[in-house]
Protein backbone atom coordinates (compact mmCIF):
# COMPACT_ATOMS: atom_id res chain seq x y z
CA UNK A 1 -17.79 -12.39 162.20
CA UNK A 2 -18.76 -8.79 161.63
CA UNK A 3 -20.03 -7.80 158.16
CA UNK A 4 -20.10 -4.14 157.16
CA UNK A 5 -23.38 -3.61 155.30
CA UNK A 6 -24.20 0.08 154.73
CA UNK A 7 -27.76 1.08 153.93
CA UNK A 8 -26.80 1.55 150.26
CA UNK A 9 -25.77 -2.11 149.89
CA UNK A 10 -27.66 -4.45 147.57
CA UNK A 11 -26.11 -7.46 149.26
CA UNK A 12 -27.55 -7.69 152.75
CA UNK A 13 -29.58 -10.83 152.02
CA UNK A 14 -26.75 -12.59 150.16
CA UNK A 15 -24.13 -12.02 152.86
CA UNK A 16 -26.52 -12.94 155.68
CA UNK A 17 -27.45 -16.14 153.83
CA UNK A 18 -23.75 -16.96 153.39
CA UNK A 19 -23.08 -16.47 157.10
CA UNK A 20 -25.98 -18.80 157.90
CA UNK A 21 -24.56 -21.39 155.53
CA UNK A 22 -21.27 -21.26 157.43
CA UNK A 23 -23.06 -21.28 160.82
CA UNK A 24 -21.09 -18.22 161.79
CA UNK A 25 -22.27 -15.98 164.58
CA UNK A 26 -22.91 -12.75 162.73
CA UNK A 27 -22.78 -9.08 163.68
CA UNK A 28 -23.96 -6.42 161.22
CA UNK A 29 -22.28 -3.01 161.07
CA UNK A 30 -24.66 -0.59 159.38
CA UNK A 31 -26.04 2.93 159.22
CA UNK A 32 -29.50 1.67 158.25
CA UNK A 33 -32.05 3.09 160.68
CA UNK A 34 -34.47 0.19 160.23
CA UNK A 35 -31.73 -2.32 161.01
CA UNK A 36 -30.57 -0.37 164.06
CA UNK A 37 -34.17 -0.33 165.24
CA UNK A 38 -34.08 -4.11 165.47
CA UNK A 39 -35.81 -5.36 162.33
CA UNK A 40 -32.91 -7.77 161.77
CA UNK A 41 -32.29 -10.54 164.29
CA UNK A 42 -28.56 -9.84 164.56
CA UNK A 43 -26.40 -7.77 166.89
CA UNK A 44 -25.81 -4.34 165.37
CA UNK A 45 -22.95 -1.88 165.41
CA UNK A 46 -23.69 1.66 164.29
CA UNK A 47 -21.33 3.05 161.64
CA UNK A 48 -21.09 6.11 159.40
CA UNK A 49 -19.69 5.34 155.92
CA UNK A 50 -18.61 8.98 155.64
CA UNK A 51 -16.31 8.58 158.66
CA UNK A 52 -14.41 5.27 158.36
CA UNK A 53 -12.02 6.03 161.24
CA UNK A 54 -14.85 6.68 163.70
CA UNK A 55 -16.71 3.65 162.37
CA UNK A 56 -13.64 1.44 162.84
CA UNK A 57 -13.45 2.66 166.44
CA UNK A 58 -17.03 1.56 167.01
CA UNK A 59 -16.22 -1.89 165.64
CA UNK A 60 -13.14 -2.17 167.87
CA UNK A 61 -15.17 -1.13 170.93
CA UNK A 62 -17.68 -3.86 170.17
CA UNK A 63 -14.95 -6.46 169.66
CA UNK A 64 -13.40 -5.63 173.02
CA UNK A 65 -16.62 -6.87 174.62
CA UNK A 66 -17.52 -9.56 172.10
CA UNK A 67 -14.38 -10.89 170.34
CA UNK A 68 -14.46 -11.25 166.56
CA UNK A 69 -12.70 -13.66 164.22
CA UNK A 70 -13.19 -11.63 161.03
CA UNK A 71 -14.28 -8.22 159.80
CA UNK A 72 -15.62 -8.21 156.22
CA UNK A 73 -16.79 -5.32 154.03
CA UNK A 74 -19.58 -6.19 151.61
CA UNK A 75 -19.19 -3.08 149.46
CA UNK A 76 -16.94 -0.18 148.55
CA UNK A 77 -18.18 2.07 151.34
CA UNK A 78 -17.01 -0.31 154.04
CA UNK A 79 -13.55 -1.36 152.87
CA UNK A 80 -11.51 1.28 154.70
CA UNK A 81 -13.25 0.93 158.06
CA UNK A 82 -13.02 -2.87 157.84
CA UNK A 83 -9.28 -2.72 157.15
CA UNK A 84 -8.63 -0.27 159.99
CA UNK A 85 -10.72 -2.27 162.47
CA UNK A 86 -9.14 -5.59 161.49
CA UNK A 87 -5.65 -4.11 161.86
CA UNK A 88 -6.46 -2.82 165.35
CA UNK A 89 -7.88 -6.20 166.32
CA UNK A 90 -4.97 -8.20 164.90
CA UNK A 91 -7.17 -9.99 162.36
CA UNK A 92 -6.28 -10.78 158.72
CA UNK A 93 -6.58 -7.57 156.74
CA UNK A 94 -5.39 -5.42 153.90
CA UNK A 95 -3.16 -2.51 154.92
CA UNK A 96 -5.55 0.44 155.39
CA UNK A 97 -3.26 2.72 153.37
CA UNK A 98 -3.50 0.29 150.44
CA UNK A 99 -7.29 0.21 150.65
CA UNK A 100 -7.46 4.01 150.81
CA UNK A 101 -5.58 4.19 147.52
CA UNK A 102 -8.22 2.01 145.84
CA UNK A 103 -10.80 4.60 146.90
CA UNK A 104 -8.91 7.42 145.16
CA UNK A 105 -8.63 6.95 141.40
CA UNK A 106 -5.90 9.59 141.06
CA UNK A 107 -3.73 7.98 143.74
CA UNK A 108 -4.34 4.57 142.17
CA UNK A 109 -3.24 5.84 138.76
CA UNK A 110 0.02 7.11 140.29
CA UNK A 111 0.70 3.73 141.95
CA UNK A 112 0.14 1.97 138.62
CA UNK A 113 2.41 4.50 136.87
CA UNK A 114 5.18 3.93 139.43
CA UNK A 115 4.84 0.18 138.81
CA UNK A 116 4.97 0.70 135.02
CA UNK A 117 1.63 -1.05 134.53
CA UNK A 118 -0.18 -0.50 131.20
CA UNK A 119 -2.87 2.12 131.73
CA UNK A 120 -4.36 5.19 130.03
CA UNK A 121 -2.40 8.44 130.04
CA UNK A 122 -3.78 10.61 132.87
CA UNK A 123 -3.71 14.02 134.48
CA UNK A 124 -5.14 15.12 137.82
CA UNK A 125 -7.28 18.27 137.77
CA UNK A 126 -7.10 20.10 141.10
CA UNK A 127 -9.53 22.80 142.17
CA UNK A 128 -7.18 25.53 140.85
CA UNK A 129 -5.96 23.68 137.75
CA UNK A 130 -6.96 24.38 134.16
CA UNK A 131 -9.14 21.43 133.06
CA UNK A 132 -8.77 22.33 129.37
CA UNK A 133 -4.99 22.08 129.64
CA UNK A 134 -5.20 18.72 131.46
CA UNK A 135 -7.62 17.22 128.93
CA UNK A 136 -5.55 18.56 126.04
CA UNK A 137 -2.44 16.90 127.46
CA UNK A 138 -4.05 13.44 127.53
CA UNK A 139 -5.66 14.08 124.15
CA UNK A 140 -9.21 13.89 122.81
CA UNK A 141 -11.36 11.95 123.17
CA UNK A 142 -10.67 11.64 126.87
CA UNK A 143 -12.57 10.38 129.91
CA UNK A 144 -13.21 12.72 132.84
CA UNK A 145 -14.27 11.29 136.19
CA UNK A 146 -14.46 12.01 139.93
CA UNK A 147 -11.71 10.35 141.93
CA UNK A 148 -13.92 9.02 144.73
CA UNK A 149 -17.11 7.64 143.16
CA UNK A 150 -17.82 4.17 141.78
CA UNK A 151 -20.25 2.32 139.49
CA UNK A 152 -19.48 4.73 136.59
CA UNK A 153 -21.14 7.60 138.43
CA UNK A 154 -19.92 10.90 137.06
CA UNK A 155 -17.78 9.30 134.32
CA UNK A 156 -18.07 11.23 131.04
CA UNK A 157 -16.33 11.06 127.67
CA UNK A 158 -15.22 14.45 126.33
CA UNK A 159 -14.58 14.79 122.59
CA UNK A 160 -13.27 18.34 122.39
CA UNK A 161 -12.23 21.50 124.21
CA UNK A 162 -15.70 23.04 123.95
CA UNK A 163 -17.17 20.30 126.19
CA UNK A 164 -14.61 20.46 129.00
CA UNK A 165 -15.89 23.29 131.20
CA UNK A 166 -19.52 22.12 131.30
CA UNK A 167 -18.47 18.51 131.90
CA UNK A 168 -16.20 19.43 134.82
CA UNK A 169 -18.96 21.58 136.35
CA UNK A 170 -21.42 18.69 135.98
CA UNK A 171 -19.01 16.26 137.65
CA UNK A 172 -18.49 18.63 140.57
CA UNK A 173 -22.29 18.81 141.03
CA UNK A 174 -22.53 15.00 141.00
CA UNK A 175 -19.66 14.78 143.52
CA UNK A 176 -21.45 17.20 145.86
CA UNK A 177 -24.72 15.27 145.53
CA UNK A 178 -22.83 12.14 146.61
CA UNK A 179 -21.75 13.88 149.82
CA UNK A 180 -18.16 14.41 148.71
CA UNK A 181 -16.16 17.63 148.57
CA UNK A 182 -17.11 19.27 145.24
CA UNK A 183 -13.61 20.70 145.10
CA UNK A 184 -11.91 17.32 145.22
CA UNK A 185 -9.59 16.45 142.30
CA UNK A 186 -10.99 15.20 139.02
CA UNK A 187 -9.19 12.69 136.83
CA UNK A 188 -8.73 13.12 133.08
CA UNK A 189 -7.44 10.12 131.17
CA UNK A 190 -7.06 9.09 127.56
CA UNK A 191 -9.95 7.10 126.10
CA UNK A 192 -9.02 3.50 125.33
CA UNK A 193 -11.21 1.76 122.76
CA UNK A 194 -11.81 -1.96 122.70
CA UNK A 195 -13.54 -4.65 124.73
CA UNK A 196 -14.00 -4.10 128.45
CA UNK A 197 -13.67 -6.96 130.94
CA UNK A 198 -13.98 -7.45 134.68
CA UNK A 199 -11.90 -9.86 136.74
CA UNK A 200 -13.19 -11.27 140.00
CA UNK A 201 -10.44 -12.53 142.27
CA UNK A 202 -9.65 -13.53 145.84
CA UNK A 203 -6.39 -12.74 147.60
CA UNK A 204 -5.26 -15.27 150.19
CA UNK A 205 -2.06 -14.31 152.01
CA UNK A 206 -0.88 -12.33 148.99
CA UNK A 207 -1.74 -14.95 146.35
CA UNK A 208 -4.45 -14.03 143.84
CA UNK A 209 -6.88 -16.74 142.78
CA UNK A 210 -8.94 -15.76 139.73
CA UNK A 211 -12.57 -16.68 140.37
CA UNK A 212 -14.09 -15.44 137.09
CA UNK A 213 -13.46 -13.20 134.10
CA UNK A 214 -16.48 -11.37 132.69
CA UNK A 215 -16.90 -9.96 129.19
CA UNK A 216 -18.94 -6.80 128.69
CA UNK A 217 -20.37 -7.37 125.19
CA UNK A 218 -22.12 -3.99 124.90
CA UNK A 219 -19.79 -1.27 123.53
CA UNK A 220 -18.72 1.12 126.28
CA UNK A 221 -17.67 4.11 124.21
CA UNK A 222 -19.51 6.90 126.00
CA UNK A 223 -20.53 9.59 126.37
CA UNK A 224 -21.48 7.79 129.60
CA UNK A 225 -20.38 4.38 130.77
CA UNK A 226 -23.39 2.60 132.22
CA UNK A 227 -22.71 -1.11 132.63
CA UNK A 228 -25.34 -3.47 131.27
CA UNK A 229 -24.42 -7.08 130.40
CA UNK A 230 -21.71 -9.17 132.05
CA UNK A 231 -21.13 -12.75 130.87
CA UNK A 232 -18.66 -15.44 131.89
CA UNK A 233 -16.56 -17.34 130.91
CA UNK A 234 -14.79 -14.80 128.74
CA UNK A 235 -14.60 -15.38 125.01
CA UNK A 236 -11.15 -13.79 124.78
CA UNK A 237 -8.19 -15.89 123.67
CA UNK A 238 -6.39 -17.83 126.41
CA UNK A 239 -3.21 -15.78 126.18
CA UNK A 240 -5.19 -12.55 126.59
CA UNK A 241 -7.00 -13.92 129.63
CA UNK A 242 -3.66 -14.95 131.10
CA UNK A 243 -2.31 -11.45 130.53
CA UNK A 244 -5.33 -9.88 132.24
CA UNK A 245 -4.79 -12.14 135.25
CA UNK A 246 -1.05 -11.35 135.34
CA UNK A 247 -1.64 -7.59 135.19
CA UNK A 248 -4.30 -7.83 137.90
CA UNK A 249 -1.85 -9.70 140.14
CA UNK A 250 0.80 -7.09 139.50
CA UNK A 251 -1.69 -4.32 140.28
CA UNK A 252 -2.68 -5.93 143.59
CA UNK A 253 1.00 -6.26 144.49
CA UNK A 254 1.68 -2.63 143.55
CA UNK A 255 -1.21 -1.44 145.70
CA UNK A 256 -0.13 -3.62 148.61
CA UNK A 257 -3.36 -5.64 148.77
CA UNK A 258 -2.89 -9.07 150.35
CA UNK A 259 -6.22 -10.33 151.68
CA UNK A 260 -9.79 -10.65 150.47
CA UNK A 261 -11.62 -9.98 147.23
CA UNK A 262 -10.55 -7.73 144.37
CA UNK A 263 -12.53 -6.53 141.39
CA UNK A 264 -10.38 -5.39 138.46
CA UNK A 265 -11.52 -3.61 135.28
CA UNK A 266 -9.50 -3.62 132.06
CA UNK A 267 -9.82 -2.96 128.34
CA UNK A 268 -8.42 -5.05 125.52
CA UNK A 269 -7.44 -3.14 122.36
CA UNK A 270 -5.90 -5.25 119.57
CA UNK A 271 -4.86 -7.88 122.13
CA UNK A 272 -3.14 -5.27 124.30
CA UNK A 273 -4.47 -5.07 127.87
CA UNK A 274 -4.98 -1.69 129.54
CA UNK A 275 -5.63 -1.59 133.28
CA UNK A 276 -8.52 0.68 134.30
CA UNK A 277 -8.85 0.15 138.05
CA UNK A 278 -8.77 -2.30 140.94
CA UNK A 279 -11.18 -2.26 143.89
CA UNK A 280 -10.61 -4.01 147.22
CA UNK A 281 -14.06 -5.60 147.13
CA UNK A 282 -16.04 -8.15 145.17
CA UNK A 283 -18.28 -7.40 142.19
CA UNK A 284 -21.01 -4.83 142.87
CA UNK A 285 -24.78 -4.88 142.85
CA UNK A 286 -26.31 -8.35 142.72
CA UNK A 287 -23.91 -9.49 139.99
CA UNK A 288 -22.25 -12.00 142.31
CA UNK A 289 -25.34 -14.17 142.01
CA UNK A 290 -24.13 -15.24 138.57
CA UNK A 291 -21.27 -17.18 140.17
CA UNK A 292 -21.52 -20.59 141.81
CA UNK A 293 -18.60 -22.75 142.89
CA UNK A 294 -17.98 -26.46 143.42
CA UNK A 295 -20.38 -29.37 143.27
CA UNK A 296 -22.74 -27.80 145.81
CA UNK A 297 -23.05 -24.47 144.01
CA UNK A 298 -21.47 -22.41 146.78
CA UNK A 299 -22.18 -18.68 146.49
CA UNK A 300 -19.51 -16.05 145.98
CA UNK A 301 -20.33 -14.51 149.37
CA UNK A 302 -19.86 -17.86 151.10
CA UNK A 303 -16.45 -18.23 149.45
CA UNK A 304 -15.43 -14.77 150.67
CA UNK A 305 -16.62 -15.28 154.25
CA UNK A 306 -15.05 -18.72 154.47
CA UNK A 307 -11.70 -17.28 153.40
CA UNK A 308 -12.03 -14.41 155.89
CA UNK A 309 -12.58 -16.95 158.67
CA UNK A 310 -9.26 -18.58 157.83
CA UNK A 311 -10.02 -21.36 155.35
CA UNK A 312 -6.84 -22.07 153.41
CA UNK A 313 -7.69 -25.19 151.41
CA UNK A 314 -7.99 -25.43 147.65
CA UNK A 315 -10.70 -23.07 146.42
CA UNK A 316 -13.63 -24.63 144.61
CA UNK A 317 -13.75 -23.84 140.89
CA UNK A 318 -16.57 -21.92 139.24
CA UNK A 319 -19.32 -24.20 137.98
CA UNK A 320 -18.91 -24.88 134.27
CA UNK A 321 -22.18 -23.59 132.74
CA UNK A 322 -21.93 -20.10 131.32
CA UNK A 323 -23.76 -17.39 133.26
CA UNK A 324 -24.46 -13.72 133.07
CA UNK A 325 -26.32 -10.72 134.41
CA UNK A 326 -27.87 -7.63 132.89
CA UNK A 327 -28.13 -4.46 134.93
CA UNK A 328 -31.32 -2.88 133.65
CA UNK A 329 -30.52 0.51 132.11
CA UNK A 330 -32.38 3.68 133.03
CA UNK A 331 -33.27 5.45 129.80
CA UNK A 332 -34.30 8.84 131.18
CA UNK A 333 -35.03 10.83 134.33
CA UNK A 334 -38.46 10.74 135.91
CA UNK A 335 -40.63 8.64 138.19
CA UNK A 336 -40.64 4.87 137.79
CA UNK A 337 -44.31 4.18 137.14
CA UNK A 338 -44.30 0.47 136.24
CA UNK A 339 -42.20 -2.41 134.91
CA UNK A 340 -44.29 -4.74 132.78
CA UNK A 341 -43.46 -8.02 131.11
CA UNK A 342 -41.62 -9.55 134.06
CA UNK A 343 -43.31 -12.94 133.74
CA UNK A 344 -42.62 -12.98 130.00
CA UNK A 345 -38.98 -12.16 130.69
CA UNK A 346 -38.72 -14.98 133.23
CA UNK A 347 -40.19 -17.38 130.65
CA UNK A 348 -37.32 -16.79 128.19
CA UNK A 349 -35.22 -19.99 128.03
CA UNK A 350 -32.05 -19.56 130.04
CA UNK A 351 -33.37 -16.82 132.32
CA UNK A 352 -32.89 -17.69 135.98
CA UNK A 353 -34.48 -14.68 137.68
CA UNK A 354 -35.58 -11.06 137.39
CA UNK A 355 -35.18 -8.77 140.38
CA UNK A 356 -36.10 -5.10 140.58
CA UNK A 357 -34.12 -3.03 143.07
CA UNK A 358 -35.78 0.38 142.78
CA UNK A 359 -39.36 0.56 144.16
CA UNK A 360 -42.19 1.67 141.91
CA UNK A 361 -42.83 5.35 142.50
CA UNK A 362 -39.16 6.22 142.99
CA UNK A 363 -37.39 9.02 141.17
CA UNK A 364 -34.74 7.69 138.78
CA UNK A 365 -31.98 9.28 136.71
CA UNK A 366 -29.83 7.95 133.89
CA UNK A 367 -26.02 8.16 133.82
CA UNK A 368 -23.86 9.95 134.67
CA UNK A 369 -25.94 11.07 137.68
CA UNK A 370 -27.42 7.60 138.35
CA UNK A 371 -26.32 5.88 141.54
CA UNK A 372 -28.66 2.89 141.58
CA UNK A 373 -29.54 0.09 139.18
CA UNK A 374 -33.16 -0.36 138.15
CA UNK A 375 -32.83 -4.11 138.57
CA UNK A 376 -31.08 -7.25 137.40
CA UNK A 377 -31.71 -10.08 134.93
CA UNK A 378 -29.86 -13.36 135.57
CA UNK A 379 -29.24 -16.12 133.02
CA UNK A 380 -27.31 -19.35 132.58
CA UNK A 381 -26.69 -21.61 129.60
CA UNK A 382 -24.31 -23.91 127.80
CA UNK A 383 -22.39 -21.09 126.14
CA UNK A 384 -21.63 -17.44 126.79
CA UNK A 385 -23.31 -16.56 123.49
CA UNK A 386 -26.53 -18.32 124.57
CA UNK A 387 -26.51 -16.46 127.89
CA UNK A 388 -26.07 -13.10 126.19
CA UNK A 389 -28.90 -13.90 123.77
CA UNK A 390 -31.24 -14.85 126.64
CA UNK A 391 -30.50 -11.63 128.51
CA UNK A 392 -31.21 -9.51 125.45
CA UNK A 393 -34.46 -11.37 124.69
CA UNK A 394 -35.65 -11.04 128.28
CA UNK A 395 -34.86 -7.33 128.35
CA UNK A 396 -36.87 -6.88 125.16
CA UNK A 397 -39.89 -8.35 126.97
CA UNK A 398 -39.78 -5.69 129.68
CA UNK A 399 -41.72 -2.44 129.35
CA UNK A 400 -40.14 0.14 131.65
CA UNK A 401 -42.50 3.06 132.19
CA UNK A 402 -40.70 6.18 133.45
CA UNK A 403 -42.75 9.39 133.48
C-alpha cells in the first residue's frame, strides 16, 4: 500500500507501525526532504501537497511500475491526491469531486443546504463582497473562517459590526501565511451555542460504521476555537448520540463519500444537533491514540489500513474503558523555552502518556494563527468524568515557559 504522509503530518510513526502490524509492503508518498533523502527504510514517492493533481500523477507513475493494492491519505493535505490516484488505478476510493468539497467549507455548506441538513445560517464572502453585509445577514455573534484551512486555524467569533473589517483582514493574512490565495472566499456563519462533539467513523462501501463519539467538555464559545480536551464515550443521551450518527450518515451521503474514514463535527443545543463539518479523513493530530479496538487493542490506523486493503468482516468494537486526549494549549506568542513537570504529569493516576510535538526553541503562536499543537496528554479510566479529571490534573502539573 501507499500512504500519503506530508511533512506536516503528526502520524508518520502511527501509520508506519500499523502497516508493519498488517505485514503490508509500504510505500510513503511525502514532501519531507529528510524522508526523500533516505532516512526512512521505505520506498518513497515525491509529492507536493499544494498540487494534488501533479502528486496523483506521480503516484500513478509509481504504481505502473510497482502495482499497489491501496492508496491511503493520513491527513487532510493528502485526501484529494489519494482519491485521484486511486480512481486512476481502479482501487477503492472516494469520488475526487466529493473529497474536494470537504476541503472547501463554503462548497460543503451548500451541499448540506441542498440536502436540508441542520446547520448554521451562512453566507460566502467573496473578494469583492461586503463582509459587513454578509455578517449582518447571518446575525451577531457570528463565526468567520477561511474556507480551506483546518484545525480551527483562522476561525474567529465576531460580536459586532465594528469587528468585521479587522477580522476579515486578519483571516486573509492567515490564509496567505498558509500558502493559500489571500483572496479566496471567507465563510460567515451564525454562532451556535452548546456542546461540541466529534464523530469518528469509517465508510465501507457506502455504509458508515461509527467508531467513537467524543465530547469536548471545554466551552468553545470564542473568540477563537482552539480544541483542548476530547473524551469518549460521550455523556450525551442515547437518542442524541443516535441523531448525531444519523446526521453524519446523511452528510456523508450528501457529499458522495463512500470509502474510508470520516471525521464529523457537530454542536448540540437543547438536544438539537447542528452539523458543523465533515472531513474525509480520520481524527487529527495524535488524538487517534486514544482509541483501541477489539481484544488485542488494535490501533485506529490499523483499522483504517485493513479496511483500505479490502477487509470486509465485522469491525472490532472500541475497547470499553473511557479514554481521552488533551491538546496542550498555547497561551501566547513567543519562543518555547521549556516544558517542566512532565514526570509529575505522567504520575497522575489515569495518565497514559505525555508527548510534546513542538521542539524546545521553536517559535509558537496562539489561535487563530496557530497551526501546530504544543503536545498531547493521553488518559484512560473507568469513566469519562475520571478521564477528564486526570487530564486537567496533569495539565496543571505542567509549567509551559514561552518567552
